[in-house]
């Protein structure tokens, strides 16, 4: 009974409703949460995929020396990695197994990229 009387007195004192406008929402600083950090990581990955995707035809046109051809090979293998990474993330459900599969796949692609560069005498 004593608590309900205290609540009623507090409710009466703060009966004013604060107005909220969309302008106040844009002025307030953005919240920091794990989902925001995750979306930034996803956005960064998507940007890297787009950059390497558009780098491949450009490097095909200008690959006259070994450096640009090596960048072309690295871009192609990065695209292969990102494509297969999405498939692995969808179908491998255990977290540790997924991490190890991605590590081994990345090592495989690094060895394949190195062998491609050595085969074409780029270094």
PDB file of N, CA and C in Angstrom:
ATOM      1  N   UNK A   1       0.823  -1.184   0.000  1.00  0.00           N
ATOM      2  CA  UNK A   1       0.000   0.000   0.000  1.00  0.00           C
ATOM      3  C   UNK A   1       0.871   1.253   0.000  1.00  0.00           C
ATOM      4  N   UNK A   2       1.916   1.214   0.800  1.00  0.00           N
ATOM      5  CA  UNK A   2       2.814   2.358   0.882  1.00  0.00           C
ATOM      6  C   UNK A   2       3.525   2.562  -0.456  1.00  0.00           C
ATOM      7  N   UNK A   3       3.903   1.446  -1.109  1.00  0.00           N
ATOM      8  CA  UNK A   3       4.590   1.540  -2.400  1.00  0.00           C
ATOM      9  C   UNK A   3       3.660   2.098  -3.474  1.00  0.00           C
ATOM     10  N   UNK A   4       2.417   1.669  -3.491  1.00  0.00           N
ATOM     11  CA  UNK A   4       1.487   2.154  -4.521  1.00  0.00           C
ATOM     12  C   UNK A   4       1.213   3.646  -4.343  1.00  0.00           C
ATOM     13  N   UNK A   5       1.173   4.141  -3.067  1.00  0.00           N
ATOM     14  CA  UNK A   5       0.989   5.573  -2.839  1.00  0.00           C
ATOM     15  C   UNK A   5       2.194   6.352  -3.357  1.00  0.00           C
ATOM     16  N   UNK A   6       3.393   5.791  -3.147  1.00  0.00           N
ATOM     17  CA  UNK A   6       4.604   6.460  -3.629  1.00  0.00           C
ATOM     18  C   UNK A   6       4.620   6.499  -5.150  1.00  0.00           C
ATOM     19  N   UNK A   7       4.183   5.416  -5.783  1.00  0.00           N
ATOM     20  CA  UNK A   7       4.149   5.376  -7.243  1.00  0.00           C
ATOM     21  C   UNK A   7       3.141   6.371  -7.794  1.00  0.00           C
ATOM     22  N   UNK A   8       1.991   6.465  -7.131  1.00  0.00           N
ATOM     23  CA  UNK A   8       0.978   7.406  -7.595  1.00  0.00           C
ATOM     24  C   UNK A   8       1.470   8.844  -7.493  1.00  0.00           C
ATOM     25  N   UNK A   9       2.198   9.143  -6.413  1.00  0.00           N
ATOM     26  CA  UNK A   9       2.704  10.503  -6.264  1.00  0.00           C
ATOM     27  C   UNK A   9       3.782  10.799  -7.309  1.00  0.00           C
ATOM     28  N   UNK A  10       4.593   9.795  -7.652  1.00  0.00           N
ATOM     29  CA  UNK A  10       5.610   9.997  -8.677  1.00  0.00           C
ATOM     30  C   UNK A  10       4.975  10.136 -10.056  1.00  0.00           C
ATOM     31  N   UNK A  11       3.920   9.360 -10.317  1.00  0.00           N
ATOM     32  CA  UNK A  11       3.252   9.444 -11.611  1.00  0.00           C
ATOM     33  C   UNK A  11       2.606  10.814 -11.795  1.00  0.00           C
ATOM     34  N   UNK A  12       2.048  11.343 -10.735  1.00  0.00           N
ATOM     35  CA  UNK A  12       1.420  12.654 -10.821  1.00  0.00           C
ATOM     36  C   UNK A  12       2.441  13.748 -11.080  1.00  0.00           C
ATOM     37  N   UNK A  13       3.648  13.594 -10.547  1.00  0.00           N
ATOM     38  CA  UNK A  13       4.678  14.611 -10.718  1.00  0.00           C
ATOM     39  C   UNK A  13       5.250  14.589 -12.132  1.00  0.00           C
ATOM     40  N   UNK A  14       5.284  13.410 -12.748  1.00  0.00           N
ATOM     41  CA  UNK A  14       5.887  13.328 -14.078  1.00  0.00           C
ATOM     42  C   UNK A  14       4.836  12.997 -15.135  1.00  0.00           C
ATOM     43  N   UNK A  15       3.728  13.631 -15.091  1.00  0.00           N
ATOM     44  CA  UNK A  15       2.646  13.363 -16.029  1.00  0.00           C
ATOM     45  C   UNK A  15       2.886  14.026 -17.374  1.00  0.00           C
ATOM     46  N   UNK A  16       3.878  14.882 -17.481  1.00  0.00           N
ATOM     47  CA  UNK A  16       4.165  15.543 -18.749  1.00  0.00           C
ATOM     48  C   UNK A  16       4.730  14.531 -19.737  1.00  0.00           C
ATOM     49  N   UNK A  17       4.323  14.667 -20.954  1.00  0.00           N
ATOM     50  CA  UNK A  17       4.829  13.802 -22.014  1.00  0.00           C
ATOM     51  C   UNK A  17       5.803  14.611 -22.849  1.00  0.00           C
ATOM     52  N   UNK A  18       6.992  14.073 -23.027  1.00  0.00           N
ATOM     53  CA  UNK A  18       8.000  14.788 -23.810  1.00  0.00           C
ATOM     54  C   UNK A  18       7.725  14.561 -25.292  1.00  0.00           C
ATOM     55  N   UNK A  19       7.756  15.634 -26.055  1.00  0.00           N
ATOM     56  CA  UNK A  19       7.536  15.537 -27.494  1.00  0.00           C
ATOM     57  C   UNK A  19       8.786  14.972 -28.158  1.00  0.00           C
ATOM     58  N   UNK A  20       8.572  14.161 -29.186  1.00  0.00           N
ATOM     59  CA  UNK A  20       9.688  13.554 -29.907  1.00  0.00           C
ATOM     60  C   UNK A  20       9.517  13.868 -31.384  1.00  0.00           C
ATOM     61  N   UNK A  21      10.544  14.367 -31.992  1.00  0.00           N
ATOM     62  CA  UNK A  21      10.458  14.671 -33.419  1.00  0.00           C
ATOM     63  C   UNK A  21      11.551  13.910 -34.164  1.00  0.00           C
ATOM     64  N   UNK A  22      11.383  13.686 -35.462  1.00  0.00           N
ATOM     65  CA  UNK A  22      12.415  12.994 -36.245  1.00  0.00           C
ATOM     66  C   UNK A  22      13.741  13.753 -36.286  1.00  0.00           C
ATOM     67  N   UNK A  23      13.681  15.064 -36.138  1.00  0.00           N
ATOM     68  CA  UNK A  23      14.915  15.852 -36.133  1.00  0.00           C
ATOM     69  C   UNK A  23      15.761  15.487 -34.925  1.00  0.00           C
ATOM     70  N   UNK A  24      15.128  15.270 -33.771  1.00  0.00           N
ATOM     71  CA  UNK A  24      15.868  14.858 -32.579  1.00  0.00           C
ATOM     72  C   UNK A  24      16.514  13.488 -32.787  1.00  0.00           C
ATOM     73  N   UNK A  25      15.857  12.629 -33.534  1.00  0.00           N
ATOM     74  CA  UNK A  25      16.416  11.302 -33.788  1.00  0.00           C
ATOM     75  C   UNK A  25      17.664  11.388 -34.658  1.00  0.00           C
ATOM     76  N   UNK A  26      17.695  12.317 -35.595  1.00  0.00           N
ATOM     77  CA  UNK A  26      18.879  12.449 -36.452  1.00  0.00           C
ATOM     78  C   UNK A  26      20.025  13.120 -35.723  1.00  0.00           C
ATOM     79  N   UNK A  27      19.704  13.941 -34.734  1.00  0.00           N
ATOM     80  CA  UNK A  27      20.755  14.621 -33.977  1.00  0.00           C
ATOM     81  C   UNK A  27      21.415  13.678 -32.978  1.00  0.00           C
ATOM     82  N   UNK A  28      20.643  12.762 -32.427  1.00  0.00           N
ATOM     83  CA  UNK A  28      21.197  11.863 -31.417  1.00  0.00           C
ATOM     84  C   UNK A  28      22.269  10.979 -32.037  1.00  0.00           C
ATOM     85  N   UNK A  29      23.250  10.607 -31.229  1.00  0.00           N
ATOM     86  CA  UNK A  29      24.361   9.811 -31.752  1.00  0.00           C
ATOM     87  C   UNK A  29      23.919   8.353 -31.952  1.00  0.00           C
ATOM     88  N   UNK A  30      24.505   7.670 -32.934  1.00  0.00           N
ATOM     89  CA  UNK A  30      24.091   6.286 -33.205  1.00  0.00           C
ATOM     90  C   UNK A  30      24.487   5.354 -32.072  1.00  0.00           C
ATOM     91  N   UNK A  31      23.696   4.339 -31.906  1.00  0.00           N
ATOM     92  CA  UNK A  31      23.981   3.361 -30.859  1.00  0.00           C
ATOM     93  C   UNK A  31      25.112   2.439 -31.287  1.00  0.00           C
ATOM     94  N   UNK A  32      25.880   2.008 -30.324  1.00  0.00           N
ATOM     95  CA  UNK A  32      26.939   1.048 -30.594  1.00  0.00           C
ATOM     96  C   UNK A  32      26.498  -0.307 -30.076  1.00  0.00           C
ATOM     97  N   UNK A  33      26.382  -1.263 -30.978  1.00  0.00           N
ATOM     98  CA  UNK A  33      25.960  -2.594 -30.584  1.00  0.00           C
ATOM     99  C   UNK A  33      26.737  -3.616 -31.399  1.00  0.00           C
ATOM    100  N   UNK A  34      26.731  -4.871 -30.975  1.00  0.00           N
ATOM    101  CA  UNK A  34      27.422  -5.904 -31.748  1.00  0.00           C
ATOM    102  C   UNK A  34      26.864  -6.051 -33.160  1.00  0.00           C
ATOM    103  N   UNK A  35      25.560  -5.796 -33.342  1.00  0.00           N
ATOM    104  CA  UNK A  35      24.984  -5.889 -34.681  1.00  0.00           C
ATOM    105  C   UNK A  35      25.516  -4.789 -35.588  1.00  0.00           C
ATOM    106  N   UNK A  36      25.755  -3.599 -35.037  1.00  0.00           N
ATOM    107  CA  UNK A  36      26.327  -2.516 -35.824  1.00  0.00           C
ATOM    108  C   UNK A  36      27.728  -2.889 -36.274  1.00  0.00           C
ATOM    109  N   UNK A  37      28.521  -3.457 -35.364  1.00  0.00           N
ATOM    110  CA  UNK A  37      29.862  -3.872 -35.727  1.00  0.00           C
ATOM    111  C   UNK A  37      29.829  -4.982 -36.766  1.00  0.00           C
ATOM    112  N   UNK A  38      28.888  -5.902 -36.628  1.00  0.00           N
ATOM    113  CA  UNK A  38      28.757  -6.993 -37.594  1.00  0.00           C
ATOM    114  C   UNK A  38      28.358  -6.455 -38.958  1.00  0.00           C
ATOM    115  N   UNK A  39      27.450  -5.471 -38.987  1.00  0.00           N
ATOM    116  CA  UNK A  39      27.041  -4.922 -40.277  1.00  0.00           C
ATOM    117  C   UNK A  39      28.184  -4.157 -40.927  1.00  0.00           C
ATOM    118  N   UNK A  40      29.052  -3.524 -40.141  1.00  0.00           N
ATOM    119  CA  UNK A  40      30.222  -2.865 -40.711  1.00  0.00           C
ATOM    120  C   UNK A  40      31.177  -3.884 -41.315  1.00  0.00           C
ATOM    121  N   UNK A  41      31.324  -5.031 -40.655  1.00  0.00           N
ATOM    122  CA  UNK A  41      32.174  -6.085 -41.184  1.00  0.00           C
ATOM    123  C   UNK A  41      31.605  -6.629 -42.494  1.00  0.00           C
ATOM    124  N   UNK A  42      30.298  -6.807 -42.542  1.00  0.00           N
ATOM    125  CA  UNK A  42      29.650  -7.298 -43.761  1.00  0.00           C
ATOM    126  C   UNK A  42      29.803  -6.275 -44.878  1.00  0.00           C
ATOM    127  N   UNK A  43      29.607  -5.013 -44.559  1.00  0.00           N
ATOM    128  CA  UNK A  43      29.746  -3.954 -45.561  1.00  0.00           C
ATOM    129  C   UNK A  43      31.172  -3.895 -46.096  1.00  0.00           C
ATOM    130  N   UNK A  44      32.160  -4.053 -45.213  1.00  0.00           N
ATOM    131  CA  UNK A  44      33.561  -4.042 -45.637  1.00  0.00           C
ATOM    132  C   UNK A  44      33.872  -5.233 -46.543  1.00  0.00           C
ATOM    133  N   UNK A  45      33.332  -6.397 -46.212  1.00  0.00           N
ATOM    134  CA  UNK A  45      33.541  -7.590 -47.034  1.00  0.00           C
ATOM    135  C   UNK A  45      32.888  -7.427 -48.402  1.00  0.00           C
ATOM    136  N   UNK A  46      31.674  -6.891 -48.424  1.00  0.00           N
ATOM    137  CA  UNK A  46      31.006  -6.664 -49.703  1.00  0.00           C
ATOM    138  C   UNK A  46      31.771  -5.664 -50.559  1.00  0.00           C
ATOM    139  N   UNK A  47      32.311  -4.631 -49.936  1.00  0.00           N
ATOM    140  CA  UNK A  47      33.081  -3.635 -50.677  1.00  0.00           C
ATOM    141  C   UNK A  47      34.346  -4.251 -51.259  1.00  0.00           C
ATOM    142  N   UNK A  48      35.028  -5.089 -50.472  1.00  0.00           N
ATOM    143  CA  UNK A  48      36.240  -5.744 -50.950  1.00  0.00           C
ATOM    144  C   UNK A  48      35.924  -6.674 -52.112  1.00  0.00           C
ATOM    145  N   UNK A  49      34.806  -7.372 -52.043  1.00  0.00           N
ATOM    146  CA  UNK A  49      34.406  -8.264 -53.128  1.00  0.00           C
ATOM    147  C   UNK A  49      34.110  -7.471 -54.393  1.00  0.00           C
ATOM    148  N   UNK A  50      33.424  -6.343 -54.263  1.00  0.00           N
ATOM    149  CA  UNK A  50      33.129  -5.517 -55.432  1.00  0.00           C
ATOM    150  C   UNK A  50      34.399  -4.935 -56.033  1.00  0.00           C
ATOM    151  N   UNK A  51      35.316  -4.486 -55.182  1.00  0.00           N
ATOM    152  CA  UNK A  51      36.562  -3.906 -55.681  1.00  0.00           C
ATOM    153  C   UNK A  51      37.360  -4.940 -56.460  1.00  0.00           C
ATOM    154  N   UNK A  52      37.508  -6.134 -55.892  1.00  0.00           N
ATOM    155  CA  UNK A  52      38.272  -7.158 -56.611  1.00  0.00           C
ATOM    156  C   UNK A  52      37.536  -7.626 -57.855  1.00  0.00           C
ATOM    157  N   UNK A  53      36.212  -7.617 -57.831  1.00  0.00           N
ATOM    158  CA  UNK A  53      35.445  -8.013 -59.007  1.00  0.00           C
ATOM    159  C   UNK A  53      35.683  -7.038 -60.162  1.00  0.00           C
ATOM    160  N   UNK A  54      35.707  -5.748 -59.856  1.00  0.00           N
ATOM    161  CA  UNK A  54      35.932  -4.752 -60.908  1.00  0.00           C
ATOM    162  C   UNK A  54      37.407  -4.599 -61.260  1.00  0.00           C
ATOM    163  N   UNK A  55      38.295  -5.075 -60.386  1.00  0.00           N
ATOM    164  CA  UNK A  55      39.724  -5.007 -60.680  1.00  0.00           C
ATOM    165  C   UNK A  55      40.134  -6.033 -61.737  1.00  0.00           C
ATOM    166  N   UNK A  56      39.431  -7.150 -61.828  1.00  0.00           N
ATOM    167  CA  UNK A  56      39.826  -8.227 -62.730  1.00  0.00           C
ATOM    168  C   UNK A  56      39.809  -7.777 -64.196  1.00  0.00           C
ATOM    169  N   UNK A  57      38.718  -7.213 -64.728  1.00  0.00           N
ATOM    170  CA  UNK A  57      38.778  -6.787 -66.132  1.00  0.00           C
ATOM    171  C   UNK A  57      39.769  -5.655 -66.372  1.00  0.00           C
ATOM    172  N   UNK A  58      39.895  -4.765 -65.401  1.00  0.00           N
ATOM    173  CA  UNK A  58      40.846  -3.668 -65.546  1.00  0.00           C
ATOM    174  C   UNK A  58      42.267  -4.200 -65.645  1.00  0.00           C
ATOM    175  N   UNK A  59      42.605  -5.132 -64.786  1.00  0.00           N
ATOM    176  CA  UNK A  59      43.955  -5.691 -64.823  1.00  0.00           C
ATOM    177  C   UNK A  59      44.185  -6.558 -66.062  1.00  0.00           C
ATOM    178  N   UNK A  60      43.129  -7.167 -66.579  1.00  0.00           N
ATOM    179  CA  UNK A  60      43.276  -7.914 -67.827  1.00  0.00           C
ATOM    180  C   UNK A  60      43.694  -6.993 -68.971  1.00  0.00           C
ATOM    181  N   UNK A  61      43.165  -5.780 -68.961  1.00  0.00           N
ATOM    182  CA  UNK A  61      43.487  -4.832 -70.019  1.00  0.00           C
ATOM    183  C   UNK A  61      44.895  -4.268 -69.900  1.00  0.00           C
ATOM    184  N   UNK A  62      45.375  -4.097 -68.683  1.00  0.00           N
ATOM    185  CA  UNK A  62      46.662  -3.416 -68.488  1.00  0.00           C
ATOM    186  C   UNK A  62      47.766  -4.327 -67.957  1.00  0.00           C
ATOM    187  N   UNK A  63      47.573  -5.634 -67.981  1.00  0.00           N
ATOM    188  CA  UNK A  63      48.585  -6.516 -67.386  1.00  0.00           C
ATOM    189  C   UNK A  63      49.731  -6.757 -68.362  1.00  0.00           C
ATOM    190  N   UNK A  64      50.661  -5.824 -68.351  1.00  0.00           N
ATOM    191  CA  UNK A  64      51.840  -5.943 -69.199  1.00  0.00           C
ATOM    192  C   UNK A  64      53.085  -6.320 -68.399  1.00  0.00           C
ATOM    193  N   UNK A  65      53.030  -6.154 -67.096  1.00  0.00           N
ATOM    194  CA  UNK A  65      54.185  -6.529 -66.279  1.00  0.00           C
ATOM    195  C   UNK A  65      53.761  -7.546 -65.220  1.00  0.00           C
ATOM    196  N   UNK A  66      54.716  -8.046 -64.503  1.00  0.00           N
ATOM    197  CA  UNK A  66      54.440  -9.137 -63.566  1.00  0.00           C
ATOM    198  C   UNK A  66      53.638  -8.667 -62.347  1.00  0.00           C
ATOM    199  N   UNK A  67      53.785  -7.414 -61.940  1.00  0.00           N
ATOM    200  CA  UNK A  67      53.070  -6.930 -60.754  1.00  0.00           C
ATOM    201  C   UNK A  67      51.559  -6.891 -61.030  1.00  0.00           C
ATOM    202  N   UNK A  68      51.162  -6.335 -62.148  1.00  0.00           N
ATOM    203  CA  UNK A  68      49.726  -6.245 -62.429  1.00  0.00           C
ATOM    204  C   UNK A  68      49.128  -7.629 -62.689  1.00  0.00           C
ATOM    205  N   UNK A  69      49.905  -8.520 -63.300  1.00  0.00           N
ATOM    206  CA  UNK A  69      49.407  -9.879 -63.502  1.00  0.00           C
ATOM    207  C   UNK A  69      49.276 -10.605 -62.170  1.00  0.00           C
ATOM    208  N   UNK A  70      50.185 -10.368 -61.251  1.00  0.00           N
ATOM    209  CA  UNK A  70      50.092 -10.967 -59.918  1.00  0.00           C
ATOM    210  C   UNK A  70      48.870 -10.441 -59.180  1.00  0.00           C
ATOM    211  N   UNK A  71      48.592  -9.141 -59.328  1.00  0.00           N
ATOM    212  CA  UNK A  71      47.377  -8.586 -58.721  1.00  0.00           C
ATOM    213  C   UNK A  71      46.129  -9.197 -59.333  1.00  0.00           C
ATOM    214  N   UNK A  72      46.177  -9.450 -60.636  1.00  0.00           N
ATOM    215  CA  UNK A  72      45.056 -10.097 -61.310  1.00  0.00           C
ATOM    216  C   UNK A  72      44.818 -11.484 -60.741  1.00  0.00           C
ATOM    217  N   UNK A  73      45.886 -12.244 -60.564  1.00  0.00           N
ATOM    218  CA  UNK A  73      45.765 -13.597 -60.011  1.00  0.00           C
ATOM    219  C   UNK A  73      45.225 -13.532 -58.581  1.00  0.00           C
ATOM    220  N   UNK A  74      45.734 -12.597 -57.789  1.00  0.00           N
ATOM    221  CA  UNK A  74      45.262 -12.452 -56.408  1.00  0.00           C
ATOM    222  C   UNK A  74      43.780 -12.076 -56.381  1.00  0.00           C
ATOM    223  N   UNK A  75      43.344 -11.211 -57.300  1.00  0.00           N
ATOM    224  CA  UNK A  75      41.928 -10.816 -57.346  1.00  0.00           C
ATOM    225  C   UNK A  75      41.036 -11.994 -57.709  1.00  0.00           C
ATOM    226  N   UNK A  76      41.473 -12.796 -58.664  1.00  0.00           N
ATOM    227  CA  UNK A  76      40.678 -13.954 -59.066  1.00  0.00           C
ATOM    228  C   UNK A  76      40.549 -14.937 -57.908  1.00  0.00           C
ATOM    229  N   UNK A  77      41.672 -15.214 -57.243  1.00  0.00           N
ATOM    230  CA  UNK A  77      41.612 -16.154 -56.128  1.00  0.00           C
ATOM    231  C   UNK A  77      40.827 -15.592 -54.951  1.00  0.00           C
ATOM    232  N   UNK A  78      40.829 -14.264 -54.781  1.00  0.00           N
ATOM    233  CA  UNK A  78      40.007 -13.666 -53.722  1.00  0.00           C
ATOM    234  C   UNK A  78      38.526 -13.859 -54.037  1.00  0.00           C
ATOM    235  N   UNK A  79      38.151 -13.694 -55.304  1.00  0.00           N
ATOM    236  CA  UNK A  79      36.760 -13.926 -55.695  1.00  0.00           C
ATOM    237  C   UNK A  79      36.354 -15.377 -55.452  1.00  0.00           C
ATOM    238  N   UNK A  80      37.239 -16.302 -55.777  1.00  0.00           N
ATOM    239  CA  UNK A  80      36.960 -17.728 -55.545  1.00  0.00           C
ATOM    240  C   UNK A  80      36.770 -17.980 -54.055  1.00  0.00           C
ATOM    241  N   UNK A  81      37.640 -17.374 -53.232  1.00  0.00           N
ATOM    242  CA  UNK A  81      37.538 -17.558 -51.781  1.00  0.00           C
ATOM    243  C   UNK A  81      36.214 -17.010 -51.249  1.00  0.00           C
ATOM    244  N   UNK A  82      35.836 -15.799 -51.675  1.00  0.00           N
ATOM    245  CA  UNK A  82      34.607 -15.202 -51.155  1.00  0.00           C
ATOM    246  C   UNK A  82      33.375 -15.998 -51.595  1.00  0.00           C
ATOM    247  N   UNK A  83      33.392 -16.536 -52.806  1.00  0.00           N
ATOM    248  CA  UNK A  83      32.275 -17.343 -53.282  1.00  0.00           C
ATOM    249  C   UNK A  83      32.140 -18.611 -52.449  1.00  0.00           C
ATOM    250  N   UNK A  84      33.236 -19.319 -52.256  1.00  0.00           N
ATOM    251  CA  UNK A  84      33.174 -20.563 -51.497  1.00  0.00           C
ATOM    252  C   UNK A  84      32.966 -20.317 -50.004  1.00  0.00           C
ATOM    253  N   UNK A  85      33.408 -19.176 -49.514  1.00  0.00           N
ATOM    254  CA  UNK A  85      33.177 -18.845 -48.102  1.00  0.00           C
ATOM    255  C   UNK A  85      31.685 -18.724 -47.820  1.00  0.00           C
ATOM    256  N   UNK A  86      30.945 -18.082 -48.721  1.00  0.00           N
ATOM    257  CA  UNK A  86      29.499 -17.960 -48.540  1.00  0.00           C
ATOM    258  C   UNK A  86      28.834 -19.332 -48.524  1.00  0.00           C
ATOM    259  N   UNK A  87      29.287 -20.225 -49.380  1.00  0.00           N
ATOM    260  CA  UNK A  87      28.720 -21.570 -49.401  1.00  0.00           C
ATOM    261  C   UNK A  87      29.033 -22.298 -48.101  1.00  0.00           C
ATOM    262  N   UNK A  88      30.281 -22.203 -47.638  1.00  0.00           N
ATOM    263  CA  UNK A  88      30.647 -22.863 -46.389  1.00  0.00           C
ATOM    264  C   UNK A  88      29.875 -22.294 -45.204  1.00  0.00           C
ATOM    265  N   UNK A  89      29.674 -20.988 -45.179  1.00  0.00           N
ATOM    266  CA  UNK A  89      28.928 -20.376 -44.076  1.00  0.00           C
ATOM    267  C   UNK A  89      27.476 -20.846 -44.068  1.00  0.00           C
ATOM    268  N   UNK A  90      26.930 -21.144 -45.229  1.00  0.00           N
ATOM    269  CA  UNK A  90      25.547 -21.619 -45.290  1.00  0.00           C
ATOM    270  C   UNK A  90      25.413 -23.079 -44.883  1.00  0.00           C
ATOM    271  N   UNK A  91      26.380 -23.909 -45.258  1.00  0.00           N
ATOM    272  CA  UNK A  91      26.193 -25.350 -45.111  1.00  0.00           C
ATOM    273  C   UNK A  91      26.960 -25.995 -43.961  1.00  0.00           C
ATOM    274  N   UNK A  92      27.996 -25.358 -43.446  1.00  0.00           N
ATOM    275  CA  UNK A  92      28.731 -25.921 -42.307  1.00  0.00           C
ATOM    276  C   UNK A  92      28.230 -25.197 -41.065  1.00  0.00           C
ATOM    277  N   UNK A  93      27.575 -25.938 -40.180  1.00  0.00           N
ATOM    278  CA  UNK A  93      26.878 -25.302 -39.067  1.00  0.00           C
ATOM    279  C   UNK A  93      27.701 -25.219 -37.789  1.00  0.00           C
ATOM    280  N   UNK A  94      28.681 -26.084 -37.614  1.00  0.00           N
ATOM    281  CA  UNK A  94      29.487 -26.042 -36.398  1.00  0.00           C
ATOM    282  C   UNK A  94      30.558 -24.971 -36.554  1.00  0.00           C
ATOM    283  N   UNK A  95      30.659 -24.096 -35.564  1.00  0.00           N
ATOM    284  CA  UNK A  95      31.512 -22.915 -35.661  1.00  0.00           C
ATOM    285  C   UNK A  95      32.987 -23.273 -35.841  1.00  0.00           C
ATOM    286  N   UNK A  96      33.495 -24.191 -35.037  1.00  0.00           N
ATOM    287  CA  UNK A  96      34.924 -24.543 -35.107  1.00  0.00           C
ATOM    288  C   UNK A  96      35.236 -25.224 -36.442  1.00  0.00           C
ATOM    289  N   UNK A  97      34.359 -26.107 -36.884  1.00  0.00           N
ATOM    290  CA  UNK A  97      34.565 -26.783 -38.163  1.00  0.00           C
ATOM    291  C   UNK A  97      34.578 -25.767 -39.301  1.00  0.00           C
ATOM    292  N   UNK A  98      33.696 -24.787 -39.232  1.00  0.00           N
ATOM    293  CA  UNK A  98      33.639 -23.750 -40.253  1.00  0.00           C
ATOM    294  C   UNK A  98      34.937 -22.952 -40.290  1.00  0.00           C
ATOM    295  N   UNK A  99      35.462 -22.589 -39.112  1.00  0.00           N
ATOM    296  CA  UNK A  99      36.703 -21.811 -39.066  1.00  0.00           C
ATOM    297  C   UNK A  99      37.872 -22.605 -39.644  1.00  0.00           C
ATOM    298  N   UNK A 100      37.978 -23.881 -39.261  1.00  0.00           N
ATOM    299  CA  UNK A 100      39.086 -24.700 -39.765  1.00  0.00           C
ATOM    300  C   UNK A 100      38.954 -24.935 -41.259  1.00  0.00           C
ATOM    301  N   UNK A 101      37.735 -25.144 -41.739  1.00  0.00           N
ATOM    302  CA  UNK A 101      37.539 -25.346 -43.178  1.00  0.00           C
ATOM    303  C   UNK A 101      37.940 -24.092 -43.951  1.00  0.00           C
ATOM    304  N   UNK A 102      37.609 -22.910 -43.427  1.00  0.00           N
ATOM    305  CA  UNK A 102      37.991 -21.666 -44.097  1.00  0.00           C
ATOM    306  C   UNK A 102      39.496 -21.444 -44.041  1.00  0.00           C
ATOM    307  N   UNK A 103      40.131 -21.803 -42.938  1.00  0.00           N
ATOM    308  CA  UNK A 103      41.585 -21.658 -42.837  1.00  0.00           C
ATOM    309  C   UNK A 103      42.276 -22.564 -43.848  1.00  0.00           C
ATOM    310  N   UNK A 104      41.863 -23.824 -43.900  1.00  0.00           N
ATOM    311  CA  UNK A 104      42.480 -24.754 -44.846  1.00  0.00           C
ATOM    312  C   UNK A 104      42.196 -24.351 -46.293  1.00  0.00           C
ATOM    313  N   UNK A 105      41.005 -23.863 -46.564  1.00  0.00           N
ATOM    314  CA  UNK A 105      40.684 -23.439 -47.914  1.00  0.00           C
ATOM    315  C   UNK A 105      41.504 -22.217 -48.316  1.00  0.00           C
ATOM    316  N   UNK A 106      41.700 -21.281 -47.383  1.00  0.00           N
ATOM    317  CA  UNK A 106      42.521 -20.109 -47.666  1.00  0.00           C
ATOM    318  C   UNK A 106      43.970 -20.513 -47.927  1.00  0.00           C
ATOM    319  N   UNK A 107      44.488 -21.461 -47.149  1.00  0.00           N
ATOM    320  CA  UNK A 107      45.847 -21.952 -47.391  1.00  0.00           C
ATOM    321  C   UNK A 107      45.957 -22.628 -48.759  1.00  0.00           C
ATOM    322  N   UNK A 108      44.951 -23.406 -49.122  1.00  0.00           N
ATOM    323  CA  UNK A 108      44.941 -24.045 -50.432  1.00  0.00           C
ATOM    324  C   UNK A 108      44.968 -23.006 -51.547  1.00  0.00           C
ATOM    325  N   UNK A 109      44.169 -21.962 -51.420  1.00  0.00           N
ATOM    326  CA  UNK A 109      44.147 -20.924 -52.449  1.00  0.00           C
ATOM    327  C   UNK A 109      45.453 -20.149 -52.498  1.00  0.00           C
ATOM    328  N   UNK A 110      46.086 -19.926 -51.348  1.00  0.00           N
ATOM    329  CA  UNK A 110      47.395 -19.254 -51.349  1.00  0.00           C
ATOM    330  C   UNK A 110      48.442 -20.090 -52.084  1.00  0.00           C
ATOM    331  N   UNK A 111      48.451 -21.394 -51.845  1.00  0.00           N
ATOM    332  CA  UNK A 111      49.398 -22.272 -52.529  1.00  0.00           C
ATOM    333  C   UNK A 111      49.096 -22.297 -54.024  1.00  0.00           C
ATOM    334  N   UNK A 112      47.818 -22.347 -54.382  1.00  0.00           N
ATOM    335  CA  UNK A 112      47.455 -22.352 -55.799  1.00  0.00           C
ATOM    336  C   UNK A 112      47.842 -21.035 -56.478  1.00  0.00           C
ATOM    337  N   UNK A 113      47.652 -19.906 -55.795  1.00  0.00           N
ATOM    338  CA  UNK A 113      48.047 -18.614 -56.363  1.00  0.00           C
ATOM    339  C   UNK A 113      49.560 -18.548 -56.530  1.00  0.00           C
ATOM    340  N   UNK A 114      50.294 -19.045 -55.539  1.00  0.00           N
ATOM    341  CA  UNK A 114      51.757 -19.061 -55.643  1.00  0.00           C
ATOM    342  C   UNK A 114      52.208 -19.930 -56.805  1.00  0.00           C
ATOM    343  N   UNK A 115      51.607 -21.110 -56.949  1.00  0.00           N
ATOM    344  CA  UNK A 115      51.972 -22.003 -58.050  1.00  0.00           C
ATOM    345  C   UNK A 115      51.624 -21.392 -59.406  1.00  0.00           C
ATOM    346  N   UNK A 116      50.523 -20.667 -59.483  1.00  0.00           N
ATOM    347  CA  UNK A 116      50.161 -19.995 -60.731  1.00  0.00           C
ATOM    348  C   UNK A 116      51.189 -18.936 -61.090  1.00  0.00           C
ATOM    349  N   UNK A 117      51.617 -18.167 -60.095  1.00  0.00           N
ATOM    350  CA  UNK A 117      52.616 -17.123 -60.353  1.00  0.00           C
ATOM    351  C   UNK A 117      53.965 -17.731 -60.745  1.00  0.00           C
ATOM    352  N   UNK A 118      54.340 -18.837 -60.105  1.00  0.00           N
ATOM    353  CA  UNK A 118      55.605 -19.493 -60.437  1.00  0.00           C
ATOM    354  C   UNK A 118      55.526 -20.118 -61.827  1.00  0.00           C
ATOM    355  N   UNK A 119      54.386 -20.703 -62.157  1.00  0.00           N
ATOM    356  CA  UNK A 119      54.210 -21.359 -63.461  1.00  0.00           C
ATOM    357  C   UNK A 119      54.352 -20.385 -64.607  1.00  0.00           C
ATOM    358  N   UNK A 120      53.836 -19.174 -64.436  1.00  0.00           N
ATOM    359  CA  UNK A 120      53.927 -18.161 -65.494  1.00  0.00           C
ATOM    360  C   UNK A 120      55.156 -17.266 -65.343  1.00  0.00           C
ATOM    361  N   UNK A 121      56.099 -17.648 -64.498  1.00  0.00           N
ATOM    362  CA  UNK A 121      57.360 -16.902 -64.281  1.00  0.00           C
ATOM    363  C   UNK A 121      57.134 -15.421 -63.982  1.00  0.00           C
ATOM    364  N   UNK A 122      56.240 -15.171 -63.031  1.00  0.00           N
ATOM    365  CA  UNK A 122      55.962 -13.785 -62.667  1.00  0.00           C
ATOM    366  C   UNK A 122      56.910 -13.268 -61.595  1.00  0.00           C
ATOM    367  N   UNK A 123      57.631 -14.172 -60.941  1.00  0.00           N
ATOM    368  CA  UNK A 123      58.610 -13.737 -59.945  1.00  0.00           C
ATOM    369  C   UNK A 123      59.932 -14.385 -60.206  1.00  0.00           C
TER     370      UNK A 123
END
